[in-house]
């Protein structure tokens, strides 16, 4: 079970290497302003107009604080998360072997497993949540492999995390001409020897929500 948890669902919005305009240079004071900037970028570059709203498909409201200030885990750039940490983290462990929804990080700051939900209702993992297993144990048990095309996988825990299929490689190719439109900018992505069945990084990382120049 743990190999699916660790390897299958990796947030692909760590875009420090993407050529972006630094958000701090833009005077944004409200969640709506932040959403408007992101939607403008998505419309121009991917043809997704008005993609982000103030509620998601489940009618969860946008986290206004994160939509403006973001978190250190995402370079303090705005993050569009809906609902709340407790509800999402509780949902995340329903089919999991480990039921912990909150754990302190290295600095002792309590971290929830999830920040909330995406616009499509997917669970939005918290990158600052400490690993369930120590690195030394993961080194010893490297029988796990990254799962190819997790969006097509039948495992119930993987299916629990993946609903939206807007940004899978073949669809991105149709809209941008590149299967790796987002995946090419992933920081510290998987090494090929850990792939389960060949392919490139975009075949193993599910884009739960698109990054933009502003978020």
N, C-alpha and C. Protein backbone atom coordinates (compact mmCIF):
# COMPACT_ATOMS: atom_id res chain seq x y z
N UNK A 1 0.83 -1.20 0.00
CA UNK A 1 0.00 0.00 0.00
C UNK A 1 0.86 1.25 0.00
N UNK A 2 1.93 1.24 0.82
CA UNK A 2 2.68 2.48 0.98
C UNK A 2 3.36 2.91 -0.31
N UNK A 3 3.73 1.94 -1.17
CA UNK A 3 4.40 2.36 -2.40
C UNK A 3 3.46 3.14 -3.29
N UNK A 4 2.17 2.82 -3.23
CA UNK A 4 1.20 3.59 -4.01
C UNK A 4 1.05 4.99 -3.42
N UNK A 5 1.03 5.05 -2.09
CA UNK A 5 0.87 6.35 -1.44
C UNK A 5 2.05 7.25 -1.78
N UNK A 6 3.27 6.69 -1.72
CA UNK A 6 4.46 7.50 -1.89
C UNK A 6 4.74 7.82 -3.35
N UNK A 7 4.51 6.85 -4.24
CA UNK A 7 4.96 7.00 -5.60
C UNK A 7 3.88 7.37 -6.62
N UNK A 8 2.63 7.07 -6.34
CA UNK A 8 1.63 7.21 -7.39
C UNK A 8 1.14 8.64 -7.56
N UNK A 9 0.88 9.33 -6.45
CA UNK A 9 0.27 10.65 -6.53
C UNK A 9 1.28 11.71 -6.10
N UNK A 10 1.94 12.31 -7.03
CA UNK A 10 2.95 13.32 -6.73
C UNK A 10 2.48 14.64 -7.30
N UNK A 11 2.43 15.65 -6.48
CA UNK A 11 2.02 16.96 -6.97
C UNK A 11 3.02 17.44 -8.01
N UNK A 12 2.51 17.83 -9.14
CA UNK A 12 3.37 18.28 -10.22
C UNK A 12 3.28 19.79 -10.40
N UNK A 13 3.18 20.50 -9.29
CA UNK A 13 3.09 21.94 -9.42
C UNK A 13 4.23 22.64 -8.68
N UNK A 14 5.32 21.92 -8.51
CA UNK A 14 6.51 22.52 -7.92
C UNK A 14 7.29 23.16 -9.07
N UNK A 15 6.98 24.39 -9.38
CA UNK A 15 7.40 24.98 -10.64
C UNK A 15 8.52 26.02 -10.48
N UNK A 16 9.45 25.77 -9.54
CA UNK A 16 10.48 26.76 -9.32
C UNK A 16 11.33 27.00 -10.57
N UNK A 17 11.43 25.98 -11.44
CA UNK A 17 12.26 26.12 -12.62
C UNK A 17 11.51 26.67 -13.81
N UNK A 18 10.22 26.88 -13.68
CA UNK A 18 9.42 27.42 -14.77
C UNK A 18 9.73 28.90 -14.93
N UNK A 19 9.78 29.36 -16.18
CA UNK A 19 10.00 30.77 -16.43
C UNK A 19 8.72 31.53 -16.11
N UNK A 20 8.64 32.04 -14.90
CA UNK A 20 7.42 32.68 -14.44
C UNK A 20 7.69 34.11 -14.00
N UNK A 21 6.63 34.89 -13.94
CA UNK A 21 6.71 36.21 -13.34
C UNK A 21 6.51 36.03 -11.85
N UNK A 22 7.41 36.53 -11.06
CA UNK A 22 7.31 36.35 -9.61
C UNK A 22 6.05 37.04 -9.10
N UNK A 23 5.23 36.29 -8.40
CA UNK A 23 3.93 36.80 -7.97
C UNK A 23 4.07 38.00 -7.05
N UNK A 24 5.12 38.02 -6.26
CA UNK A 24 5.28 39.11 -5.29
C UNK A 24 5.41 40.46 -5.97
N UNK A 25 5.72 40.46 -7.28
CA UNK A 25 5.82 41.71 -8.00
C UNK A 25 4.45 42.22 -8.42
N UNK A 26 3.42 41.43 -8.25
CA UNK A 26 2.07 41.80 -8.63
C UNK A 26 1.29 42.15 -7.37
N UNK A 27 0.70 43.33 -7.35
CA UNK A 27 -0.03 43.77 -6.18
C UNK A 27 -1.42 43.13 -6.16
N UNK A 28 -1.52 42.01 -5.51
CA UNK A 28 -2.80 41.31 -5.40
C UNK A 28 -3.18 41.25 -3.93
N UNK A 29 -4.38 41.70 -3.62
CA UNK A 29 -4.81 41.76 -2.24
C UNK A 29 -6.01 40.87 -1.93
N UNK A 30 -6.67 40.35 -2.96
CA UNK A 30 -7.85 39.52 -2.74
C UNK A 30 -7.75 38.22 -3.52
N UNK A 31 -8.50 37.22 -3.05
CA UNK A 31 -8.52 35.94 -3.75
C UNK A 31 -9.06 36.10 -5.16
N UNK A 32 -10.04 36.96 -5.35
CA UNK A 32 -10.62 37.14 -6.67
C UNK A 32 -9.61 37.70 -7.67
N UNK A 33 -8.80 38.65 -7.23
CA UNK A 33 -7.75 39.18 -8.10
C UNK A 33 -6.78 38.07 -8.49
N UNK A 34 -6.44 37.23 -7.55
CA UNK A 34 -5.53 36.13 -7.80
C UNK A 34 -6.12 35.14 -8.80
N UNK A 35 -7.39 34.81 -8.60
CA UNK A 35 -8.08 33.90 -9.51
C UNK A 35 -8.16 34.49 -10.92
N UNK A 36 -8.42 35.77 -11.01
CA UNK A 36 -8.53 36.42 -12.32
C UNK A 36 -7.22 36.35 -13.09
N UNK A 37 -6.11 36.58 -12.40
CA UNK A 37 -4.80 36.52 -13.05
C UNK A 37 -4.50 35.11 -13.56
N UNK A 38 -4.77 34.13 -12.72
CA UNK A 38 -4.53 32.74 -13.12
C UNK A 38 -5.42 32.35 -14.29
N UNK A 39 -6.68 32.72 -14.25
CA UNK A 39 -7.61 32.37 -15.32
C UNK A 39 -7.22 33.04 -16.64
N UNK A 40 -6.73 34.26 -16.55
CA UNK A 40 -6.29 34.96 -17.77
C UNK A 40 -5.15 34.20 -18.43
N UNK A 41 -4.19 33.74 -17.61
CA UNK A 41 -3.05 32.99 -18.15
C UNK A 41 -3.50 31.67 -18.76
N UNK A 42 -4.38 30.94 -18.07
CA UNK A 42 -4.85 29.66 -18.57
C UNK A 42 -5.65 29.83 -19.86
N UNK A 43 -6.42 30.88 -19.95
CA UNK A 43 -7.18 31.13 -21.16
C UNK A 43 -6.29 31.39 -22.35
N UNK A 44 -5.26 32.20 -22.16
CA UNK A 44 -4.37 32.56 -23.26
C UNK A 44 -3.48 31.40 -23.68
N UNK A 45 -3.05 30.58 -22.73
CA UNK A 45 -2.06 29.56 -23.03
C UNK A 45 -2.62 28.16 -23.24
N UNK A 46 -3.75 27.85 -22.62
CA UNK A 46 -4.31 26.51 -22.74
C UNK A 46 -5.74 26.50 -23.25
N UNK A 47 -6.34 27.65 -23.36
CA UNK A 47 -7.73 27.69 -23.81
C UNK A 47 -8.74 27.35 -22.74
N UNK A 48 -8.31 27.33 -21.48
CA UNK A 48 -9.21 27.09 -20.36
C UNK A 48 -9.62 28.43 -19.77
N UNK A 49 -10.79 28.90 -20.14
CA UNK A 49 -11.27 30.19 -19.66
C UNK A 49 -12.12 30.00 -18.41
N UNK A 50 -11.90 30.88 -17.43
CA UNK A 50 -12.65 30.82 -16.17
C UNK A 50 -12.54 29.45 -15.52
N UNK A 51 -11.34 28.88 -15.56
CA UNK A 51 -11.12 27.53 -15.01
C UNK A 51 -11.30 27.52 -13.49
N UNK A 52 -10.67 28.47 -12.81
CA UNK A 52 -10.76 28.54 -11.35
C UNK A 52 -11.93 29.44 -10.95
N UNK A 53 -12.70 28.97 -9.97
CA UNK A 53 -13.79 29.77 -9.44
C UNK A 53 -13.66 29.96 -7.96
N UNK A 54 -14.62 30.63 -7.35
CA UNK A 54 -14.56 30.82 -5.90
C UNK A 54 -15.09 29.63 -5.13
N UNK A 55 -15.69 28.65 -5.85
CA UNK A 55 -16.05 27.35 -5.27
C UNK A 55 -15.64 26.26 -6.25
N UNK A 56 -15.46 25.03 -5.74
CA UNK A 56 -15.11 23.93 -6.63
C UNK A 56 -16.36 23.12 -6.99
N UNK A 57 -16.16 21.96 -7.62
CA UNK A 57 -17.30 21.16 -8.08
C UNK A 57 -18.15 20.64 -6.93
N UNK A 58 -17.56 20.56 -5.75
CA UNK A 58 -18.29 20.10 -4.57
C UNK A 58 -18.87 21.27 -3.77
N UNK A 59 -18.78 22.47 -4.32
CA UNK A 59 -19.27 23.69 -3.65
C UNK A 59 -18.46 24.06 -2.42
N UNK A 60 -17.24 23.55 -2.32
CA UNK A 60 -16.33 24.00 -1.27
C UNK A 60 -15.78 25.38 -1.64
N UNK A 61 -15.65 26.26 -0.66
CA UNK A 61 -15.19 27.61 -0.93
C UNK A 61 -13.67 27.68 -1.00
N UNK A 62 -13.18 28.64 -1.77
CA UNK A 62 -11.75 28.86 -1.91
C UNK A 62 -11.14 29.26 -0.56
N UNK A 63 -9.95 28.77 -0.29
CA UNK A 63 -9.19 29.20 0.88
C UNK A 63 -8.56 30.55 0.51
N UNK A 64 -9.15 31.64 1.00
CA UNK A 64 -8.75 32.97 0.58
C UNK A 64 -7.34 33.33 1.01
N UNK A 65 -6.92 32.83 2.15
CA UNK A 65 -5.56 33.13 2.64
C UNK A 65 -4.52 32.53 1.71
N UNK A 66 -4.68 31.25 1.38
CA UNK A 66 -3.72 30.60 0.49
C UNK A 66 -3.79 31.16 -0.93
N UNK A 67 -4.97 31.60 -1.35
CA UNK A 67 -5.13 32.15 -2.69
C UNK A 67 -4.40 33.47 -2.87
N UNK A 68 -4.07 34.12 -1.78
CA UNK A 68 -3.34 35.39 -1.84
C UNK A 68 -1.89 35.22 -1.42
N UNK A 69 -1.66 34.57 -0.28
CA UNK A 69 -0.32 34.50 0.30
C UNK A 69 0.42 33.20 0.02
N UNK A 70 -0.32 32.14 -0.31
CA UNK A 70 0.34 30.87 -0.55
C UNK A 70 0.96 30.27 0.69
N UNK A 71 1.92 29.37 0.51
CA UNK A 71 2.63 28.74 1.61
C UNK A 71 4.11 28.63 1.24
N UNK A 72 5.00 28.52 2.24
CA UNK A 72 6.42 28.33 1.93
C UNK A 72 6.67 27.10 1.06
N UNK A 73 5.83 26.07 1.20
CA UNK A 73 6.02 24.85 0.41
C UNK A 73 5.91 25.11 -1.08
N UNK A 74 5.22 26.18 -1.46
CA UNK A 74 5.08 26.55 -2.86
C UNK A 74 5.67 27.93 -3.12
N UNK A 75 6.81 28.18 -2.48
CA UNK A 75 7.54 29.43 -2.68
C UNK A 75 6.69 30.66 -2.40
N UNK A 76 5.72 30.52 -1.50
CA UNK A 76 4.84 31.62 -1.10
C UNK A 76 4.06 32.22 -2.28
N UNK A 77 3.88 31.42 -3.31
CA UNK A 77 3.02 31.84 -4.41
C UNK A 77 1.60 31.37 -4.13
N UNK A 78 0.59 32.06 -4.65
CA UNK A 78 -0.80 31.68 -4.39
C UNK A 78 -1.09 30.24 -4.75
N UNK A 79 -1.87 29.59 -3.92
CA UNK A 79 -2.29 28.21 -4.14
C UNK A 79 -3.81 28.17 -4.06
N UNK A 80 -4.44 27.62 -5.08
CA UNK A 80 -5.90 27.58 -5.11
C UNK A 80 -6.39 26.26 -4.53
N UNK A 81 -6.82 26.33 -3.28
CA UNK A 81 -7.25 25.16 -2.52
C UNK A 81 -8.66 25.45 -2.00
N UNK A 82 -9.49 24.41 -2.03
CA UNK A 82 -10.89 24.59 -1.62
C UNK A 82 -11.19 23.71 -0.40
N UNK A 83 -12.16 24.15 0.40
CA UNK A 83 -12.51 23.38 1.59
C UNK A 83 -11.49 23.60 2.69
N UNK A 84 -11.34 22.60 3.56
CA UNK A 84 -10.43 22.76 4.69
C UNK A 84 -9.52 21.56 4.89
N UNK A 85 -8.47 21.78 5.65
CA UNK A 85 -7.44 20.77 5.86
C UNK A 85 -7.96 19.52 6.56
N UNK A 86 -8.78 19.72 7.59
CA UNK A 86 -9.23 18.60 8.40
C UNK A 86 -10.10 17.65 7.58
N UNK A 87 -11.06 18.19 6.85
CA UNK A 87 -11.95 17.36 6.06
C UNK A 87 -11.19 16.61 4.98
N UNK A 88 -10.32 17.31 4.26
CA UNK A 88 -9.55 16.68 3.19
C UNK A 88 -8.60 15.62 3.72
N UNK A 89 -7.92 15.92 4.83
CA UNK A 89 -6.98 14.96 5.40
C UNK A 89 -7.70 13.72 5.92
N UNK A 90 -8.89 13.90 6.44
CA UNK A 90 -9.68 12.76 6.90
C UNK A 90 -10.10 11.90 5.71
N UNK A 91 -10.51 12.54 4.62
CA UNK A 91 -10.87 11.79 3.42
C UNK A 91 -9.68 11.02 2.86
N UNK A 92 -8.48 11.62 2.98
CA UNK A 92 -7.29 11.03 2.39
C UNK A 92 -6.89 9.69 3.01
N UNK A 93 -7.29 9.44 4.26
CA UNK A 93 -6.85 8.22 4.93
C UNK A 93 -7.95 7.15 5.02
N UNK A 94 -9.08 7.39 4.39
CA UNK A 94 -10.20 6.44 4.50
C UNK A 94 -9.82 5.05 4.02
N UNK A 95 -9.11 4.96 2.91
CA UNK A 95 -8.71 3.66 2.36
C UNK A 95 -7.23 3.37 2.56
N UNK A 96 -6.60 4.13 3.42
CA UNK A 96 -5.15 3.99 3.60
C UNK A 96 -4.82 3.10 4.79
N UNK A 97 -3.61 2.57 4.77
CA UNK A 97 -3.15 1.73 5.87
C UNK A 97 -2.82 2.58 7.09
N UNK A 98 -2.40 3.81 6.86
CA UNK A 98 -2.05 4.72 7.95
C UNK A 98 -3.13 5.77 8.09
N UNK A 99 -3.63 5.97 9.30
CA UNK A 99 -4.78 6.84 9.52
C UNK A 99 -4.42 8.21 10.08
N UNK A 100 -3.14 8.55 10.10
CA UNK A 100 -2.71 9.82 10.66
C UNK A 100 -3.08 10.96 9.72
N UNK A 101 -3.79 11.97 10.24
CA UNK A 101 -4.15 13.12 9.41
C UNK A 101 -3.32 14.36 9.73
N UNK A 102 -2.64 14.36 10.89
CA UNK A 102 -1.83 15.50 11.28
C UNK A 102 -0.56 15.02 11.96
N UNK A 103 0.56 15.69 11.65
CA UNK A 103 1.85 15.31 12.23
C UNK A 103 2.75 16.55 12.24
N UNK A 104 3.55 16.76 13.29
CA UNK A 104 4.45 17.92 13.30
C UNK A 104 5.61 17.73 12.33
N UNK A 105 6.03 18.83 11.70
CA UNK A 105 7.18 18.75 10.82
C UNK A 105 8.46 18.86 11.62
N UNK A 106 9.60 19.01 10.95
CA UNK A 106 10.90 19.03 11.64
C UNK A 106 11.02 20.20 12.61
N UNK A 107 10.29 21.26 12.37
CA UNK A 107 10.33 22.42 13.25
C UNK A 107 9.24 22.39 14.31
N UNK A 108 8.50 21.28 14.35
CA UNK A 108 7.46 21.14 15.35
C UNK A 108 6.15 21.78 15.00
N UNK A 109 6.02 22.27 13.76
CA UNK A 109 4.78 22.91 13.32
C UNK A 109 3.79 21.83 12.87
N UNK A 110 2.59 21.80 13.45
CA UNK A 110 1.61 20.78 13.04
C UNK A 110 1.25 20.94 11.56
N UNK A 111 1.27 19.85 10.83
CA UNK A 111 0.94 19.86 9.41
C UNK A 111 -0.15 18.83 9.14
N UNK A 112 -1.16 19.23 8.39
CA UNK A 112 -2.18 18.29 7.96
C UNK A 112 -1.73 17.59 6.68
N UNK A 113 -2.22 16.38 6.48
CA UNK A 113 -1.83 15.60 5.30
C UNK A 113 -2.24 16.30 4.00
N UNK A 114 -3.37 16.98 4.02
CA UNK A 114 -3.85 17.69 2.83
C UNK A 114 -4.12 19.15 3.17
N UNK A 115 -4.01 20.00 2.16
CA UNK A 115 -4.35 21.41 2.34
C UNK A 115 -5.83 21.67 2.07
N UNK A 116 -6.46 20.75 1.37
CA UNK A 116 -7.86 20.89 0.99
C UNK A 116 -8.14 20.10 -0.26
N UNK A 117 -8.95 20.67 -1.15
CA UNK A 117 -9.33 20.01 -2.40
C UNK A 117 -9.02 20.92 -3.59
N UNK A 118 -8.91 20.32 -4.77
CA UNK A 118 -8.71 21.09 -5.99
C UNK A 118 -10.04 21.56 -6.54
N UNK A 119 -9.99 22.27 -7.65
CA UNK A 119 -11.21 22.74 -8.31
C UNK A 119 -12.07 21.57 -8.76
N UNK A 120 -11.45 20.42 -9.08
CA UNK A 120 -12.18 19.23 -9.53
C UNK A 120 -12.60 18.32 -8.38
N UNK A 121 -12.25 18.69 -7.15
CA UNK A 121 -12.60 17.88 -6.00
C UNK A 121 -11.55 16.85 -5.63
N UNK A 122 -10.39 16.87 -6.30
CA UNK A 122 -9.30 15.98 -5.92
C UNK A 122 -8.72 16.43 -4.58
N UNK A 123 -8.14 15.49 -3.87
CA UNK A 123 -7.40 15.83 -2.66
C UNK A 123 -6.14 16.60 -3.03
N UNK A 124 -5.85 17.64 -2.29
CA UNK A 124 -4.68 18.47 -2.55
C UNK A 124 -3.67 18.22 -1.43
N UNK A 125 -2.66 17.41 -1.71
CA UNK A 125 -1.69 17.01 -0.70
C UNK A 125 -0.87 18.20 -0.20
N UNK A 126 -0.43 18.11 1.04
CA UNK A 126 0.41 19.13 1.65
C UNK A 126 1.88 18.68 1.55
N UNK A 127 2.70 19.36 0.74
CA UNK A 127 4.10 18.95 0.59
C UNK A 127 4.88 19.01 1.89
N UNK A 128 4.40 19.80 2.86
CA UNK A 128 5.12 19.94 4.13
C UNK A 128 4.78 18.84 5.13
N UNK A 129 3.83 17.97 4.77
CA UNK A 129 3.48 16.87 5.68
C UNK A 129 4.63 15.86 5.71
N UNK A 130 5.13 15.51 6.89
CA UNK A 130 6.28 14.60 6.98
C UNK A 130 5.97 13.23 6.39
N UNK A 131 6.98 12.54 5.85
CA UNK A 131 6.77 11.21 5.28
C UNK A 131 6.24 10.23 6.32
N UNK A 132 5.43 9.29 5.86
CA UNK A 132 4.91 8.27 6.77
C UNK A 132 5.99 7.28 7.18
N UNK A 133 7.01 7.13 6.34
CA UNK A 133 8.09 6.19 6.63
C UNK A 133 9.42 6.93 6.57
N UNK A 134 10.35 6.62 7.46
CA UNK A 134 11.66 7.29 7.45
C UNK A 134 12.43 6.97 6.18
N UNK A 135 13.27 7.91 5.71
CA UNK A 135 14.05 7.68 4.48
C UNK A 135 14.87 6.40 4.52
N UNK A 136 15.40 6.06 5.69
CA UNK A 136 16.23 4.85 5.79
C UNK A 136 15.42 3.60 5.45
N UNK A 137 14.17 3.58 5.85
CA UNK A 137 13.32 2.43 5.54
C UNK A 137 12.99 2.39 4.06
N UNK A 138 12.76 3.56 3.45
CA UNK A 138 12.46 3.59 2.03
C UNK A 138 13.65 3.09 1.20
N UNK A 139 14.86 3.40 1.66
CA UNK A 139 16.05 2.94 0.94
C UNK A 139 16.12 1.42 0.98
N UNK A 140 15.80 0.85 2.12
CA UNK A 140 15.85 -0.60 2.26
C UNK A 140 14.76 -1.29 1.44
N UNK A 141 13.62 -0.65 1.31
CA UNK A 141 12.48 -1.30 0.64
C UNK A 141 12.20 -0.70 -0.73
N UNK A 142 13.25 -0.52 -1.52
CA UNK A 142 13.05 0.05 -2.85
C UNK A 142 12.47 -0.95 -3.85
N UNK A 143 11.49 -1.74 -3.40
CA UNK A 143 10.80 -2.61 -4.35
C UNK A 143 9.65 -1.85 -5.00
N UNK A 144 9.32 -0.69 -4.47
CA UNK A 144 8.25 0.13 -5.03
C UNK A 144 8.72 0.83 -6.29
N UNK A 145 7.81 1.07 -7.20
CA UNK A 145 8.11 1.77 -8.43
C UNK A 145 7.04 2.80 -8.69
N UNK A 146 7.40 3.84 -9.42
CA UNK A 146 6.41 4.81 -9.83
C UNK A 146 5.39 4.11 -10.72
N UNK A 147 4.14 4.43 -10.52
CA UNK A 147 3.06 3.77 -11.26
C UNK A 147 2.78 4.53 -12.55
N UNK A 148 2.84 3.82 -13.66
CA UNK A 148 2.59 4.45 -14.95
C UNK A 148 1.11 4.77 -15.12
N UNK A 149 0.83 5.96 -15.64
CA UNK A 149 -0.53 6.44 -15.89
C UNK A 149 -1.45 6.18 -14.68
N UNK A 150 -1.15 6.79 -13.54
CA UNK A 150 -1.96 6.55 -12.34
C UNK A 150 -3.42 6.95 -12.54
N UNK A 151 -3.68 7.87 -13.48
CA UNK A 151 -5.07 8.28 -13.75
C UNK A 151 -5.90 7.16 -14.36
N UNK A 152 -5.24 6.09 -14.83
CA UNK A 152 -5.96 4.93 -15.37
C UNK A 152 -5.90 3.72 -14.43
N UNK A 153 -5.34 3.92 -13.23
CA UNK A 153 -5.11 2.80 -12.33
C UNK A 153 -6.38 2.45 -11.56
N UNK A 154 -6.54 1.15 -11.28
CA UNK A 154 -7.76 0.67 -10.61
C UNK A 154 -7.64 0.57 -9.10
N UNK A 155 -6.45 0.79 -8.55
CA UNK A 155 -6.29 0.67 -7.11
C UNK A 155 -7.19 1.68 -6.41
N UNK A 156 -7.98 1.25 -5.42
CA UNK A 156 -8.96 2.16 -4.79
C UNK A 156 -8.35 3.38 -4.15
N UNK A 157 -7.15 3.26 -3.58
CA UNK A 157 -6.55 4.42 -2.94
C UNK A 157 -6.09 5.44 -3.99
N UNK A 158 -5.57 4.95 -5.10
CA UNK A 158 -5.17 5.85 -6.18
C UNK A 158 -6.40 6.52 -6.78
N UNK A 159 -7.45 5.76 -6.98
CA UNK A 159 -8.67 6.32 -7.53
C UNK A 159 -9.28 7.37 -6.60
N UNK A 160 -9.06 7.20 -5.31
CA UNK A 160 -9.57 8.15 -4.33
C UNK A 160 -8.93 9.53 -4.51
N UNK A 161 -7.69 9.54 -4.96
CA UNK A 161 -6.96 10.80 -5.10
C UNK A 161 -7.15 11.44 -6.47
N UNK A 162 -7.52 10.68 -7.46
CA UNK A 162 -7.56 11.20 -8.83
C UNK A 162 -8.98 11.20 -9.37
N UNK A 163 -9.47 12.38 -9.73
CA UNK A 163 -10.76 12.51 -10.38
C UNK A 163 -10.62 13.29 -11.69
N UNK A 164 -10.09 14.50 -11.57
CA UNK A 164 -9.95 15.35 -12.75
C UNK A 164 -8.92 14.81 -13.73
N UNK A 165 -9.26 14.84 -15.01
CA UNK A 165 -8.37 14.32 -16.05
C UNK A 165 -8.10 15.38 -17.12
N UNK A 166 -8.15 16.63 -16.73
CA UNK A 166 -7.98 17.70 -17.71
C UNK A 166 -6.57 17.81 -18.26
N UNK A 167 -5.57 17.42 -17.46
CA UNK A 167 -4.20 17.73 -17.84
C UNK A 167 -3.31 16.49 -17.98
N UNK A 168 -3.90 15.38 -18.42
CA UNK A 168 -3.10 14.20 -18.71
C UNK A 168 -2.34 14.44 -20.02
N UNK A 169 -1.23 13.73 -20.25
CA UNK A 169 -0.32 14.07 -21.35
C UNK A 169 -0.97 14.19 -22.72
N UNK A 170 -1.80 13.25 -23.12
CA UNK A 170 -2.37 13.30 -24.46
C UNK A 170 -3.30 14.49 -24.65
N UNK A 171 -4.00 14.88 -23.59
CA UNK A 171 -4.87 16.06 -23.69
C UNK A 171 -4.03 17.33 -23.75
N UNK A 172 -2.95 17.37 -22.99
CA UNK A 172 -2.07 18.52 -23.05
C UNK A 172 -1.44 18.65 -24.43
N UNK A 173 -1.16 17.53 -25.06
CA UNK A 173 -0.59 17.57 -26.41
C UNK A 173 -1.56 18.23 -27.39
N UNK A 174 -2.82 17.92 -27.26
CA UNK A 174 -3.82 18.50 -28.15
C UNK A 174 -3.96 20.01 -27.96
N UNK A 175 -3.80 20.48 -26.73
CA UNK A 175 -4.00 21.90 -26.46
C UNK A 175 -2.72 22.72 -26.55
N UNK A 176 -1.56 22.07 -26.36
CA UNK A 176 -0.30 22.83 -26.33
C UNK A 176 0.75 22.33 -27.32
N UNK A 177 0.56 21.12 -27.85
CA UNK A 177 1.58 20.55 -28.72
C UNK A 177 2.68 19.84 -27.96
N UNK A 178 2.54 19.74 -26.63
CA UNK A 178 3.55 19.09 -25.80
C UNK A 178 2.88 18.21 -24.76
N UNK A 179 3.29 16.94 -24.69
CA UNK A 179 2.78 16.05 -23.66
C UNK A 179 3.35 16.42 -22.29
N UNK A 180 4.53 17.01 -22.29
CA UNK A 180 5.21 17.35 -21.03
C UNK A 180 5.12 18.84 -20.72
N UNK A 181 4.03 19.48 -21.13
CA UNK A 181 3.90 20.93 -20.98
C UNK A 181 4.17 21.37 -19.55
N UNK A 182 3.66 20.63 -18.57
CA UNK A 182 3.92 20.93 -17.17
C UNK A 182 5.02 20.05 -16.59
N UNK A 183 5.03 18.78 -16.95
CA UNK A 183 5.95 17.82 -16.34
C UNK A 183 7.42 18.16 -16.61
N UNK A 184 7.70 18.86 -17.72
CA UNK A 184 9.09 19.20 -18.04
C UNK A 184 9.72 20.09 -16.98
N UNK A 185 8.89 20.76 -16.19
CA UNK A 185 9.40 21.70 -15.19
C UNK A 185 9.38 21.15 -13.76
N UNK A 186 9.10 19.88 -13.61
CA UNK A 186 9.04 19.29 -12.28
C UNK A 186 10.43 19.30 -11.64
N UNK A 187 10.48 19.68 -10.40
CA UNK A 187 11.73 19.70 -9.66
C UNK A 187 11.92 18.36 -8.96
N UNK A 188 13.11 17.77 -9.09
CA UNK A 188 13.44 16.50 -8.43
C UNK A 188 12.43 15.41 -8.81
N UNK A 189 12.19 15.27 -10.09
CA UNK A 189 11.27 14.25 -10.57
C UNK A 189 11.85 12.86 -10.45
N UNK A 190 11.08 11.83 -10.78
CA UNK A 190 11.56 10.45 -10.65
C UNK A 190 12.68 10.13 -11.63
N UNK A 191 13.58 9.28 -11.20
CA UNK A 191 14.64 8.79 -12.09
C UNK A 191 14.12 7.58 -12.85
N UNK A 192 14.51 7.45 -14.12
CA UNK A 192 13.95 6.39 -14.98
C UNK A 192 14.03 4.98 -14.40
N UNK A 193 15.05 4.70 -13.58
CA UNK A 193 15.18 3.33 -13.05
C UNK A 193 14.06 2.98 -12.09
N UNK A 194 13.32 4.00 -11.62
CA UNK A 194 12.21 3.73 -10.71
C UNK A 194 10.86 3.68 -11.43
N UNK A 195 10.88 3.84 -12.74
CA UNK A 195 9.64 3.73 -13.50
C UNK A 195 9.22 2.26 -13.56
N UNK A 196 7.93 2.03 -13.55
CA UNK A 196 7.43 0.65 -13.53
C UNK A 196 7.44 0.01 -14.90
N UNK A 197 7.32 0.81 -15.97
CA UNK A 197 7.15 0.18 -17.29
C UNK A 197 7.62 1.11 -18.41
N UNK A 198 8.78 1.72 -18.25
CA UNK A 198 9.28 2.60 -19.30
C UNK A 198 8.50 3.89 -19.40
N UNK A 199 8.81 4.69 -20.40
CA UNK A 199 8.10 5.95 -20.59
C UNK A 199 8.88 7.12 -20.04
N UNK A 200 8.25 8.28 -20.10
CA UNK A 200 8.85 9.52 -19.63
C UNK A 200 8.13 10.02 -18.39
N UNK A 201 8.71 11.03 -17.77
CA UNK A 201 8.19 11.48 -16.48
C UNK A 201 6.73 11.89 -16.56
N UNK A 202 6.29 12.45 -17.69
CA UNK A 202 4.89 12.89 -17.77
C UNK A 202 3.91 11.73 -17.71
N UNK A 203 4.39 10.51 -17.95
CA UNK A 203 3.52 9.33 -17.88
C UNK A 203 3.33 8.83 -16.46
N UNK A 204 4.05 9.42 -15.51
CA UNK A 204 4.01 8.93 -14.14
C UNK A 204 3.52 9.96 -13.13
N UNK A 205 3.39 11.20 -13.56
CA UNK A 205 3.02 12.26 -12.63
C UNK A 205 1.67 12.84 -13.04
N UNK A 206 0.73 12.81 -12.11
CA UNK A 206 -0.60 13.34 -12.38
C UNK A 206 -0.67 14.82 -12.02
N UNK A 207 -1.04 15.64 -12.97
CA UNK A 207 -1.19 17.07 -12.73
C UNK A 207 -2.57 17.29 -12.12
N UNK A 208 -2.62 17.54 -10.83
CA UNK A 208 -3.93 17.69 -10.20
C UNK A 208 -4.53 19.07 -10.45
N UNK A 209 -3.67 20.06 -10.69
CA UNK A 209 -4.15 21.41 -10.91
C UNK A 209 -3.04 22.18 -11.62
N UNK A 210 -3.37 22.93 -12.66
CA UNK A 210 -2.31 23.56 -13.46
C UNK A 210 -1.66 24.74 -12.76
N UNK A 211 -0.34 24.82 -12.80
CA UNK A 211 0.34 26.03 -12.35
C UNK A 211 0.17 27.11 -13.40
N UNK A 212 0.32 28.35 -13.01
CA UNK A 212 0.27 29.46 -13.96
C UNK A 212 1.43 30.40 -13.67
N UNK A 213 1.49 31.48 -14.39
CA UNK A 213 2.55 32.47 -14.13
C UNK A 213 2.38 33.11 -12.77
N UNK A 214 1.21 33.00 -12.18
CA UNK A 214 0.90 33.71 -10.96
C UNK A 214 0.58 32.80 -9.78
N UNK A 215 0.52 31.50 -10.01
CA UNK A 215 0.09 30.61 -8.94
C UNK A 215 0.74 29.26 -9.08
